[in-house]
Amino acid sequence: MKIEGEALLLRIFIGESDRVEGKLLYRKIVEILRENDIAGATVIRGIMGYGASSRIHTASILTLSGDLPVVIEAVDKEEKIKRVIPIIEKFITKGLITLEKVNVIKYI
């Protein structure tokens, strides 16, 4: 597969311990992205953050948090990303989804 030019970056912000159907939510989302032939996905674990609840989650040794922030990023053509969002939205009860136009220089 080769993608160059304009594409969409999908970012999904959730908690590390969020679950759906007994499975970690970030794993479920990556599986959905793969099943829908999205070019690629990366899960990034944050060391500190907060969301709508304003509760700070941190990896600090002094304040161990069981729910660190996780960001899932995926880039593909606009039509493919927009087609998969409604599927993913069904599983996210709390979190944030963003879209950003990006220019892909090279993906092979």
PDB file of N, CA and C in Angstrom:
ATOM      1  N   MET A   1       0.849  -1.180   0.000  1.00  0.00           N
ATOM      2  CA  MET A   1       0.000   0.000   0.000  1.00  0.00           C
ATOM      3  C   MET A   1       0.891   1.239   0.000  1.00  0.00           C
ATOM      4  N   LYS A   2       0.472   2.234  -0.727  1.00  0.00           N
ATOM      5  CA  LYS A   2       1.244   3.473  -0.789  1.00  0.00           C
ATOM      6  C   LYS A   2       0.293   4.652  -0.578  1.00  0.00           C
ATOM      7  N   ILE A   3       0.628   5.503   0.371  1.00  0.00           N
ATOM      8  CA  ILE A   3      -0.158   6.712   0.618  1.00  0.00           C
ATOM      9  C   ILE A   3       0.792   7.889   0.567  1.00  0.00           C
ATOM     10  N   GLU A   4       0.455   8.867  -0.216  1.00  0.00           N
ATOM     11  CA  GLU A   4       1.177  10.134  -0.225  1.00  0.00           C
ATOM     12  C   GLU A   4       0.150  11.231  -0.437  1.00  0.00           C
ATOM     13  N   GLY A   5       0.423  12.408   0.104  1.00  0.00           N
ATOM     14  CA  GLY A   5      -0.492  13.528  -0.056  1.00  0.00           C
ATOM     15  C   GLY A   5      -1.379  13.704   1.157  1.00  0.00           C
ATOM     16  N   GLU A   6      -2.541  14.297   0.934  1.00  0.00           N
ATOM     17  CA  GLU A   6      -3.438  14.637   2.035  1.00  0.00           C
ATOM     18  C   GLU A   6      -4.103  13.400   2.626  1.00  0.00           C
ATOM     19  N   ALA A   7      -4.152  13.363   3.960  1.00  0.00           N
ATOM     20  CA  ALA A   7      -4.779  12.262   4.691  1.00  0.00           C
ATOM     21  C   ALA A   7      -5.355  12.823   5.989  1.00  0.00           C
ATOM     22  N   LEU A   8      -5.966  11.955   6.796  1.00  0.00           N
ATOM     23  CA  LEU A   8      -6.490  12.361   8.095  1.00  0.00           C
ATOM     24  C   LEU A   8      -5.757  11.616   9.198  1.00  0.00           C
ATOM     25  N   LEU A   9      -5.454  12.341  10.262  1.00  0.00           N
ATOM     26  CA  LEU A   9      -4.894  11.759  11.473  1.00  0.00           C
ATOM     27  C   LEU A   9      -6.034  11.649  12.482  1.00  0.00           C
ATOM     28  N   LEU A  10      -6.308  10.439  12.908  1.00  0.00           N
ATOM     29  CA  LEU A  10      -7.310  10.164  13.921  1.00  0.00           C
ATOM     30  C   LEU A  10      -6.587   9.983  15.241  1.00  0.00           C
ATOM     31  N   ARG A  11      -7.011  10.732  16.266  1.00  0.00           N
ATOM     32  CA  ARG A  11      -6.449  10.579  17.612  1.00  0.00           C
ATOM     33  C   ARG A  11      -7.585  10.267  18.565  1.00  0.00           C
ATOM     34  N   ILE A  12      -7.363   9.258  19.378  1.00  0.00           N
ATOM     35  CA  ILE A  12      -8.370   8.855  20.362  1.00  0.00           C
ATOM     36  C   ILE A  12      -7.701   8.868  21.735  1.00  0.00           C
ATOM     37  N   PHE A  13      -8.247   9.641  22.646  1.00  0.00           N
ATOM     38  CA  PHE A  13      -7.719   9.777  24.005  1.00  0.00           C
ATOM     39  C   PHE A  13      -8.641   9.009  24.952  1.00  0.00           C
ATOM     40  N   ILE A  14      -8.090   8.010  25.620  1.00  0.00           N
ATOM     41  CA  ILE A  14      -8.865   7.207  26.567  1.00  0.00           C
ATOM     42  C   ILE A  14      -7.977   6.885  27.771  1.00  0.00           C
ATOM     43  N   GLY A  15      -8.522   6.137  28.718  1.00  0.00           N
ATOM     44  CA  GLY A  15      -7.747   5.682  29.871  1.00  0.00           C
ATOM     45  C   GLY A  15      -7.176   4.296  29.627  1.00  0.00           C
ATOM     46  N   GLU A  16      -6.017   4.051  30.180  1.00  0.00           N
ATOM     47  CA  GLU A  16      -5.338   2.773  29.994  1.00  0.00           C
ATOM     48  C   GLU A  16      -6.164   1.590  30.493  1.00  0.00           C
ATOM     49  N   SER A  17      -6.937   1.783  31.527  1.00  0.00           N
ATOM     50  CA  SER A  17      -7.695   0.667  32.103  1.00  0.00           C
ATOM     51  C   SER A  17      -9.114   0.561  31.552  1.00  0.00           C
ATOM     52  N   ASP A  18      -9.514   1.440  30.630  1.00  0.00           N
ATOM     53  CA  ASP A  18     -10.854   1.358  30.045  1.00  0.00           C
ATOM     54  C   ASP A  18     -11.038   0.017  29.352  1.00  0.00           C
ATOM     55  N   ARG A  19     -12.188  -0.585  29.568  1.00  0.00           N
ATOM     56  CA  ARG A  19     -12.455  -1.912  29.006  1.00  0.00           C
ATOM     57  C   ARG A  19     -13.798  -1.943  28.289  1.00  0.00           C
ATOM     58  N   VAL A  20     -13.897  -2.890  27.354  1.00  0.00           N
ATOM     59  CA  VAL A  20     -15.150  -3.156  26.653  1.00  0.00           C
ATOM     60  C   VAL A  20     -15.175  -4.649  26.345  1.00  0.00           C
ATOM     61  N   GLU A  21     -16.303  -5.266  26.621  1.00  0.00           N
ATOM     62  CA  GLU A  21     -16.452  -6.703  26.365  1.00  0.00           C
ATOM     63  C   GLU A  21     -15.330  -7.511  27.011  1.00  0.00           C
ATOM     64  N   GLY A  22     -14.865  -7.081  28.206  1.00  0.00           N
ATOM     65  CA  GLY A  22     -13.816  -7.783  28.926  1.00  0.00           C
ATOM     66  C   GLY A  22     -12.415  -7.592  28.365  1.00  0.00           C
ATOM     67  N   LYS A  23     -12.273  -6.728  27.376  1.00  0.00           N
ATOM     68  CA  LYS A  23     -10.990  -6.507  26.705  1.00  0.00           C
ATOM     69  C   LYS A  23     -10.580  -5.056  26.915  1.00  0.00           C
ATOM     70  N   LEU A  24      -9.266  -4.819  26.984  1.00  0.00           N
ATOM     71  CA  LEU A  24      -8.787  -3.438  27.076  1.00  0.00           C
ATOM     72  C   LEU A  24      -9.269  -2.661  25.854  1.00  0.00           C
ATOM     73  N   LEU A  25      -9.814  -1.475  26.093  1.00  0.00           N
ATOM     74  CA  LEU A  25     -10.407  -0.678  25.018  1.00  0.00           C
ATOM     75  C   LEU A  25      -9.401  -0.336  23.933  1.00  0.00           C
ATOM     76  N   TYR A  26      -8.168   0.017  24.304  1.00  0.00           N
ATOM     77  CA  TYR A  26      -7.203   0.369  23.270  1.00  0.00           C
ATOM     78  C   TYR A  26      -6.906  -0.820  22.360  1.00  0.00           C
ATOM     79  N   ARG A  27      -6.903  -2.039  22.901  1.00  0.00           N
ATOM     80  CA  ARG A  27      -6.717  -3.232  22.069  1.00  0.00           C
ATOM     81  C   ARG A  27      -7.892  -3.427  21.118  1.00  0.00           C
ATOM     82  N   LYS A  28      -9.095  -3.237  21.639  1.00  0.00           N
ATOM     83  CA  LYS A  28     -10.303  -3.371  20.817  1.00  0.00           C
ATOM     84  C   LYS A  28     -10.273  -2.368  19.662  1.00  0.00           C
ATOM     85  N   ILE A  29      -9.889  -1.136  19.944  1.00  0.00           N
ATOM     86  CA  ILE A  29      -9.840  -0.099  18.908  1.00  0.00           C
ATOM     87  C   ILE A  29      -8.807  -0.448  17.840  1.00  0.00           C
ATOM     88  N   VAL A  30      -7.635  -0.893  18.245  1.00  0.00           N
ATOM     89  CA  VAL A  30      -6.607  -1.268  17.270  1.00  0.00           C
ATOM     90  C   VAL A  30      -7.099  -2.434  16.408  1.00  0.00           C
ATOM     91  N   GLU A  31      -7.785  -3.383  17.011  1.00  0.00           N
ATOM     92  CA  GLU A  31      -8.342  -4.496  16.234  1.00  0.00           C
ATOM     93  C   GLU A  31      -9.360  -4.000  15.209  1.00  0.00           C
ATOM     94  N   ILE A  32     -10.208  -3.069  15.618  1.00  0.00           N
ATOM     95  CA  ILE A  32     -11.205  -2.497  14.698  1.00  0.00           C
ATOM     96  C   ILE A  32     -10.508  -1.780  13.542  1.00  0.00           C
ATOM     97  N   LEU A  33      -9.478  -1.008  13.858  1.00  0.00           N
ATOM     98  CA  LEU A  33      -8.737  -0.299  12.811  1.00  0.00           C
ATOM     99  C   LEU A  33      -8.123  -1.286  11.825  1.00  0.00           C
ATOM    100  N   ARG A  34      -7.557  -2.345  12.336  1.00  0.00           N
ATOM    101  CA  ARG A  34      -6.930  -3.352  11.462  1.00  0.00           C
ATOM    102  C   ARG A  34      -7.976  -4.070  10.616  1.00  0.00           C
ATOM    103  N   GLU A  35      -9.094  -4.454  11.232  1.00  0.00           N
ATOM    104  CA  GLU A  35     -10.167  -5.135  10.501  1.00  0.00           C
ATOM    105  C   GLU A  35     -10.725  -4.267   9.378  1.00  0.00           C
ATOM    106  N   ASN A  36     -10.648  -2.945   9.547  1.00  0.00           N
ATOM    107  CA  ASN A  36     -11.176  -2.016   8.552  1.00  0.00           C
ATOM    108  C   ASN A  36     -10.090  -1.492   7.624  1.00  0.00           C
ATOM    109  N   ASP A  37      -8.958  -2.176   7.595  1.00  0.00           N
ATOM    110  CA  ASP A  37      -7.885  -1.910   6.644  1.00  0.00           C
ATOM    111  C   ASP A  37      -7.313  -0.495   6.735  1.00  0.00           C
ATOM    112  N   ILE A  38      -7.271   0.041   7.972  1.00  0.00           N
ATOM    113  CA  ILE A  38      -6.627   1.332   8.173  1.00  0.00           C
ATOM    114  C   ILE A  38      -5.115   1.112   8.077  1.00  0.00           C
ATOM    115  N   ALA A  39      -4.421   2.038   7.440  1.00  0.00           N
ATOM    116  CA  ALA A  39      -3.005   1.862   7.090  1.00  0.00           C
ATOM    117  C   ALA A  39      -2.131   1.461   8.281  1.00  0.00           C
ATOM    118  N   GLY A  40      -2.363   2.027   9.439  1.00  0.00           N
ATOM    119  CA  GLY A  40      -1.557   1.694  10.608  1.00  0.00           C
ATOM    120  C   GLY A  40      -2.071   2.415  11.834  1.00  0.00           C
ATOM    121  N   ALA A  41      -1.716   1.900  12.996  1.00  0.00           N
ATOM    122  CA  ALA A  41      -2.142   2.519  14.246  1.00  0.00           C
ATOM    123  C   ALA A  41      -1.032   2.380  15.271  1.00  0.00           C
ATOM    124  N   THR A  42      -0.950   3.358  16.165  1.00  0.00           N
ATOM    125  CA  THR A  42       0.027   3.345  17.245  1.00  0.00           C
ATOM    126  C   THR A  42      -0.680   3.699  18.545  1.00  0.00           C
ATOM    127  N   VAL A  43      -0.369   2.971  19.606  1.00  0.00           N
ATOM    128  CA  VAL A  43      -0.893   3.270  20.933  1.00  0.00           C
ATOM    129  C   VAL A  43       0.238   3.880  21.740  1.00  0.00           C
ATOM    130  N   ILE A  44      -0.018   5.053  22.306  1.00  0.00           N
ATOM    131  CA  ILE A  44       0.983   5.784  23.077  1.00  0.00           C
ATOM    132  C   ILE A  44       0.477   5.908  24.514  1.00  0.00           C
ATOM    133  N   ARG A  45       1.306   5.483  25.455  1.00  0.00           N
ATOM    134  CA  ARG A  45       0.949   5.560  26.875  1.00  0.00           C
ATOM    135  C   ARG A  45       1.537   6.826  27.464  1.00  0.00           C
ATOM    136  N   GLY A  46       0.689   7.640  28.053  1.00  0.00           N
ATOM    137  CA  GLY A  46       1.143   8.885  28.650  1.00  0.00           C
ATOM    138  C   GLY A  46       1.680   8.689  30.054  1.00  0.00           C
ATOM    139  N   ILE A  47       2.519   9.606  30.480  1.00  0.00           N
ATOM    140  CA  ILE A  47       3.040   9.534  31.845  1.00  0.00           C
ATOM    141  C   ILE A  47       2.259  10.436  32.796  1.00  0.00           C
ATOM    142  N   MET A  48       1.445  11.330  32.218  1.00  0.00           N
ATOM    143  CA  MET A  48       0.635  12.215  33.047  1.00  0.00           C
ATOM    144  C   MET A  48      -0.433  12.862  32.179  1.00  0.00           C
ATOM    145  N   GLY A  49      -1.588  13.107  32.757  1.00  0.00           N
ATOM    146  CA  GLY A  49      -2.643  13.787  32.022  1.00  0.00           C
ATOM    147  C   GLY A  49      -3.923  13.875  32.830  1.00  0.00           C
ATOM    148  N   TYR A  50      -4.902  14.588  32.280  1.00  0.00           N
ATOM    149  CA  TYR A  50      -6.230  14.638  32.871  1.00  0.00           C
ATOM    150  C   TYR A  50      -7.225  14.891  31.751  1.00  0.00           C
ATOM    151  N   GLY A  51      -8.466  14.564  32.020  1.00  0.00           N
ATOM    152  CA  GLY A  51      -9.520  14.727  31.024  1.00  0.00           C
ATOM    153  C   GLY A  51     -10.675  15.527  31.587  1.00  0.00           C
ATOM    154  N   ALA A  52     -11.872  15.197  31.148  1.00  0.00           N
ATOM    155  CA  ALA A  52     -13.066  15.942  31.517  1.00  0.00           C
ATOM    156  C   ALA A  52     -13.307  15.950  33.028  1.00  0.00           C
ATOM    157  N   SER A  53     -12.867  14.885  33.716  1.00  0.00           N
ATOM    158  CA  SER A  53     -13.081  14.812  35.168  1.00  0.00           C
ATOM    159  C   SER A  53     -12.132  15.721  35.940  1.00  0.00           C
ATOM    160  N   SER A  54     -11.097  16.236  35.280  1.00  0.00           N
ATOM    161  CA  SER A  54     -10.051  17.066  35.887  1.00  0.00           C
ATOM    162  C   SER A  54      -9.221  16.317  36.931  1.00  0.00           C
ATOM    163  N   ARG A  55      -9.362  15.013  37.005  1.00  0.00           N
ATOM    164  CA  ARG A  55      -8.564  14.197  37.917  1.00  0.00           C
ATOM    165  C   ARG A  55      -7.232  13.891  37.244  1.00  0.00           C
ATOM    166  N   ILE A  56      -6.128  14.217  37.895  1.00  0.00           N
ATOM    167  CA  ILE A  56      -4.804  14.002  37.312  1.00  0.00           C
ATOM    168  C   ILE A  56      -4.403  12.539  37.462  1.00  0.00           C
ATOM    169  N   HIS A  57      -3.949  11.959  36.366  1.00  0.00           N
ATOM    170  CA  HIS A  57      -3.432  10.592  36.328  1.00  0.00           C
ATOM    171  C   HIS A  57      -1.941  10.712  36.053  1.00  0.00           C
ATOM    172  N   THR A  58      -1.140  10.007  36.847  1.00  0.00           N
ATOM    173  CA  THR A  58       0.300  10.141  36.688  1.00  0.00           C
ATOM    174  C   THR A  58       1.013   8.812  36.931  1.00  0.00           C
ATOM    175  N   ALA A  59       2.184   8.682  36.342  1.00  0.00           N
ATOM    176  CA  ALA A  59       3.009   7.491  36.531  1.00  0.00           C
ATOM    177  C   ALA A  59       4.045   7.707  37.625  1.00  0.00           C
ATOM    178  N   SER A  60       3.936   8.800  38.362  1.00  0.00           N
ATOM    179  CA  SER A  60       4.883   9.108  39.431  1.00  0.00           C
ATOM    180  C   SER A  60       4.906   7.993  40.475  1.00  0.00           C
ATOM    181  N   ILE A  61       6.062   7.679  40.959  1.00  0.00           N
ATOM    182  CA  ILE A  61       6.227   6.624  41.964  1.00  0.00           C
ATOM    183  C   ILE A  61       5.490   6.977  43.256  1.00  0.00           C
ATOM    184  N   LEU A  62       5.371   8.274  43.533  1.00  0.00           N
ATOM    185  CA  LEU A  62       4.719   8.699  44.769  1.00  0.00           C
ATOM    186  C   LEU A  62       3.203   8.626  44.686  1.00  0.00           C
ATOM    187  N   THR A  63       2.658   8.765  43.497  1.00  0.00           N
ATOM    188  CA  THR A  63       1.211   8.711  43.325  1.00  0.00           C
ATOM    189  C   THR A  63       0.888   7.767  42.174  1.00  0.00           C
ATOM    190  N   LEU A  64       0.910   6.491  42.459  1.00  0.00           N
ATOM    191  CA  LEU A  64       0.647   5.504  41.409  1.00  0.00           C
ATOM    192  C   LEU A  64      -0.802   5.580  40.948  1.00  0.00           C
ATOM    193  N   SER A  65      -0.984   5.687  39.671  1.00  0.00           N
ATOM    194  CA  SER A  65      -2.305   5.741  39.073  1.00  0.00           C
ATOM    195  C   SER A  65      -2.542   4.455  38.302  1.00  0.00           C
ATOM    196  N   GLY A  66      -3.718   3.915  38.438  1.00  0.00           N
ATOM    197  CA  GLY A  66      -4.057   2.707  37.701  1.00  0.00           C
ATOM    198  C   GLY A  66      -4.686   2.997  36.364  1.00  0.00           C
ATOM    199  N   ASP A  67      -4.772   4.253  36.005  1.00  0.00           N
ATOM    200  CA  ASP A  67      -5.466   4.599  34.763  1.00  0.00           C
ATOM    201  C   ASP A  67      -4.723   5.713  34.039  1.00  0.00           C
ATOM    202  N   LEU A  68      -3.550   5.400  33.520  1.00  0.00           N
ATOM    203  CA  LEU A  68      -2.765   6.401  32.792  1.00  0.00           C
ATOM    204  C   LEU A  68      -3.435   6.744  31.465  1.00  0.00           C
ATOM    205  N   PRO A  69      -3.150   7.940  30.936  1.00  0.00           N
ATOM    206  CA  PRO A  69      -3.734   8.313  29.645  1.00  0.00           C
ATOM    207  C   PRO A  69      -3.118   7.492  28.511  1.00  0.00           C
ATOM    208  N   VAL A  70      -3.954   7.175  27.531  1.00  0.00           N
ATOM    209  CA  VAL A  70      -3.528   6.447  26.344  1.00  0.00           C
ATOM    210  C   VAL A  70      -4.049   7.202  25.130  1.00  0.00           C
ATOM    211  N   VAL A  71      -3.197   7.331  24.115  1.00  0.00           N
ATOM    212  CA  VAL A  71      -3.597   7.955  22.854  1.00  0.00           C
ATOM    213  C   VAL A  71      -3.392   6.928  21.749  1.00  0.00           C
ATOM    214  N   ILE A  72      -4.404   6.736  20.944  1.00  0.00           N
ATOM    215  CA  ILE A  72      -4.302   5.867  19.776  1.00  0.00           C
ATOM    216  C   ILE A  72      -4.300   6.780  18.562  1.00  0.00           C
ATOM    217  N   GLU A  73      -3.293   6.620  17.711  1.00  0.00           N
ATOM    218  CA  GLU A  73      -3.199   7.431  16.493  1.00  0.00           C
ATOM    219  C   GLU A  73      -3.261   6.523  15.281  1.00  0.00           C
ATOM    220  N   ALA A  74      -3.978   6.987  14.272  1.00  0.00           N
ATOM    221  CA  ALA A  74      -4.054   6.265  12.999  1.00  0.00           C
ATOM    222  C   ALA A  74      -4.131   7.294  11.882  1.00  0.00           C
ATOM    223  N   VAL A  75      -3.462   7.002  10.772  1.00  0.00           N
ATOM    224  CA  VAL A  75      -3.473   7.896   9.612  1.00  0.00           C
ATOM    225  C   VAL A  75      -3.877   7.087   8.392  1.00  0.00           C
ATOM    226  N   ASP A  76      -4.797   7.641   7.620  1.00  0.00           N
ATOM    227  CA  ASP A  76      -5.189   7.011   6.355  1.00  0.00           C
ATOM    228  C   ASP A  76      -5.972   8.035   5.551  1.00  0.00           C
ATOM    229  N   LYS A  77      -6.446   7.604   4.414  1.00  0.00           N
ATOM    230  CA  LYS A  77      -7.243   8.481   3.562  1.00  0.00           C
ATOM    231  C   LYS A  77      -8.529   8.867   4.282  1.00  0.00           C
ATOM    232  N   GLU A  78      -8.992  10.080   3.995  1.00  0.00           N
ATOM    233  CA  GLU A  78     -10.153  10.643   4.699  1.00  0.00           C
ATOM    234  C   GLU A  78     -11.356   9.716   4.697  1.00  0.00           C
ATOM    235  N   GLU A  79     -11.691   9.150   3.556  1.00  0.00           N
ATOM    236  CA  GLU A  79     -12.901   8.317   3.479  1.00  0.00           C
ATOM    237  C   GLU A  79     -12.788   7.063   4.351  1.00  0.00           C
ATOM    238  N   LYS A  80     -11.598   6.502   4.464  1.00  0.00           N
ATOM    239  CA  LYS A  80     -11.427   5.306   5.290  1.00  0.00           C
ATOM    240  C   LYS A  80     -11.524   5.632   6.775  1.00  0.00           C
ATOM    241  N   ILE A  81     -10.909   6.736   7.183  1.00  0.00           N
ATOM    242  CA  ILE A  81     -10.972   7.149   8.595  1.00  0.00           C
ATOM    243  C   ILE A  81     -12.414   7.494   8.971  1.00  0.00           C
ATOM    244  N   LYS A  82     -13.089   8.257   8.138  1.00  0.00           N
ATOM    245  CA  LYS A  82     -14.472   8.657   8.453  1.00  0.00           C
ATOM    246  C   LYS A  82     -15.427   7.473   8.481  1.00  0.00           C
ATOM    247  N   ARG A  83     -15.114   6.425   7.739  1.00  0.00           N
ATOM    248  CA  ARG A  83     -15.955   5.231   7.719  1.00  0.00           C
ATOM    249  C   ARG A  83     -15.806   4.428   9.016  1.00  0.00           C
ATOM    250  N   VAL A  84     -14.631   4.458   9.638  1.00  0.00           N
ATOM    251  CA  VAL A  84     -14.391   3.646  10.834  1.00  0.00           C
ATOM    252  C   VAL A  84     -14.801   4.355  12.137  1.00  0.00           C
ATOM    253  N   ILE A  85     -14.902   5.666  12.122  1.00  0.00           N
ATOM    254  CA  ILE A  85     -15.226   6.413  13.353  1.00  0.00           C
ATOM    255  C   ILE A  85     -16.541   5.964  13.989  1.00  0.00           C
ATOM    256  N   PRO A  86     -17.644   5.827  13.252  1.00  0.00           N
ATOM    257  CA  PRO A  86     -18.897   5.400  13.900  1.00  0.00           C
ATOM    258  C   PRO A  86     -18.786   4.027  14.578  1.00  0.00           C
ATOM    259  N   ILE A  87     -17.971   3.157  14.051  1.00  0.00           N
ATOM    260  CA  ILE A  87     -17.776   1.837  14.660  1.00  0.00           C
ATOM    261  C   ILE A  87     -17.067   1.989  16.002  1.00  0.00           C
ATOM    262  N   ILE A  88     -16.030   2.810  16.034  1.00  0.00           N
ATOM    263  CA  ILE A  88     -15.242   3.021  17.252  1.00  0.00           C
ATOM    264  C   ILE A  88     -16.035   3.781  18.308  1.00  0.00           C
ATOM    265  N   GLU A  89     -16.799   4.774  17.868  1.00  0.00           N
ATOM    266  CA  GLU A  89     -17.568   5.606  18.814  1.00  0.00           C
ATOM    267  C   GLU A  89     -18.482   4.784  19.711  1.00  0.00           C
ATOM    268  N   LYS A  90     -18.991   3.691  19.218  1.00  0.00           N
ATOM    269  CA  LYS A  90     -19.901   2.849  20.003  1.00  0.00           C
ATOM    270  C   LYS A  90     -19.248   2.318  21.274  1.00  0.00           C
ATOM    271  N   PHE A  91     -17.934   2.191  21.268  1.00  0.00           N
ATOM    272  CA  PHE A  91     -17.225   1.578  22.390  1.00  0.00           C
ATOM    273  C   PHE A  91     -16.636   2.588  23.371  1.00  0.00           C
ATOM    274  N   ILE A  92     -16.643   3.864  23.021  1.00  0.00           N
ATOM    275  CA  ILE A  92     -16.029   4.888  23.875  1.00  0.00           C
ATOM    276  C   ILE A  92     -17.111   5.593  24.677  1.00  0.00           C
ATOM    277  N   THR A  93     -17.124   5.355  25.995  1.00  0.00           N
ATOM    278  CA  THR A  93     -18.108   6.003  26.861  1.00  0.00           C
ATOM    279  C   THR A  93     -17.553   7.296  27.454  1.00  0.00           C
ATOM    280  N   LYS A  94     -16.230   7.357  27.600  1.00  0.00           N
ATOM    281  CA  LYS A  94     -15.586   8.593  28.043  1.00  0.00           C
ATOM    282  C   LYS A  94     -14.242   8.682  27.340  1.00  0.00           C
ATOM    283  N   GLY A  95     -13.968   9.834  26.811  1.00  0.00           N
ATOM    284  CA  GLY A  95     -12.734  10.022  26.066  1.00  0.00           C
ATOM    285  C   GLY A  95     -12.891  11.165  25.081  1.00  0.00           C
ATOM    286  N   LEU A  96     -11.957  11.264  24.174  1.00  0.00           N
ATOM    287  CA  LEU A  96     -11.946  12.345  23.188  1.00  0.00           C
ATOM    288  C   LEU A  96     -11.449  11.782  21.866  1.00  0.00           C
ATOM    289  N   ILE A  97     -12.122  12.158  20.783  1.00  0.00           N
ATOM    290  CA  ILE A  97     -11.703  11.773  19.438  1.00  0.00           C
ATOM    291  C   ILE A  97     -11.456  13.050  18.657  1.00  0.00           C
ATOM    292  N   THR A  98     -10.294  13.146  18.010  1.00  0.00           N
ATOM    293  CA  THR A  98      -9.995  14.324  17.188  1.00  0.00           C
ATOM    294  C   THR A  98      -9.565  13.880  15.791  1.00  0.00           C
ATOM    295  N   LEU A  99      -9.740  14.771  14.843  1.00  0.00           N
ATOM    296  CA  LEU A  99      -9.297  14.571  13.466  1.00  0.00           C
ATOM    297  C   LEU A  99      -8.449  15.756  13.059  1.00  0.00           C
ATOM    298  N   GLU A 100      -7.424  15.480  12.297  1.00  0.00           N
ATOM    299  CA  GLU A 100      -6.543  16.538  11.840  1.00  0.00           C
ATOM    300  C   GLU A 100      -6.072  16.210  10.423  1.00  0.00           C
ATOM    301  N   LYS A 101      -6.147  17.191   9.535  1.00  0.00           N
ATOM    302  CA  LYS A 101      -5.620  16.985   8.188  1.00  0.00           C
ATOM    303  C   LYS A 101      -4.115  16.980   8.260  1.00  0.00           C
ATOM    304  N   VAL A 102      -3.502  15.997   7.586  1.00  0.00           N
ATOM    305  CA  VAL A 102      -2.048  15.888   7.550  1.00  0.00           C
ATOM    306  C   VAL A 102      -1.603  15.630   6.115  1.00  0.00           C
ATOM    307  N   ASN A 103      -0.354  15.910   5.857  1.00  0.00           N
ATOM    308  CA  ASN A 103       0.253  15.573   4.575  1.00  0.00           C
ATOM    309  C   ASN A 103       1.211  14.420   4.782  1.00  0.00           C
ATOM    310  N   VAL A 104       0.925  13.310   4.127  1.00  0.00           N
ATOM    311  CA  VAL A 104       1.790  12.140   4.216  1.00  0.00           C
ATOM    312  C   VAL A 104       2.898  12.316   3.182  1.00  0.00           C
ATOM    313  N   ILE A 105       4.122  12.228   3.634  1.00  0.00           N
ATOM    314  CA  ILE A 105       5.252  12.374   2.744  1.00  0.00           C
ATOM    315  C   ILE A 105       5.574  11.026   2.100  1.00  0.00           C
ATOM    316  N   LYS A 106       5.594   9.976   2.933  1.00  0.00           N
ATOM    317  CA  LYS A 106       5.883   8.667   2.372  1.00  0.00           C
ATOM    318  C   LYS A 106       5.378   7.578   3.303  1.00  0.00           C
ATOM    319  N   TYR A 107       4.622   6.658   2.779  1.00  0.00           N
ATOM    320  CA  TYR A 107       4.186   5.478   3.514  1.00  0.00           C
ATOM    321  C   TYR A 107       4.104   4.331   2.523  1.00  0.00           C
ATOM    322  N   ILE A 108       4.955   3.345   2.704  1.00  0.00           N
ATOM    323  CA  ILE A 108       4.954   2.193   1.792  1.00  0.00           C
ATOM    324  C   ILE A 108       4.864   0.931   2.609  1.00  0.00           C
TER     325      ILE A 108
END
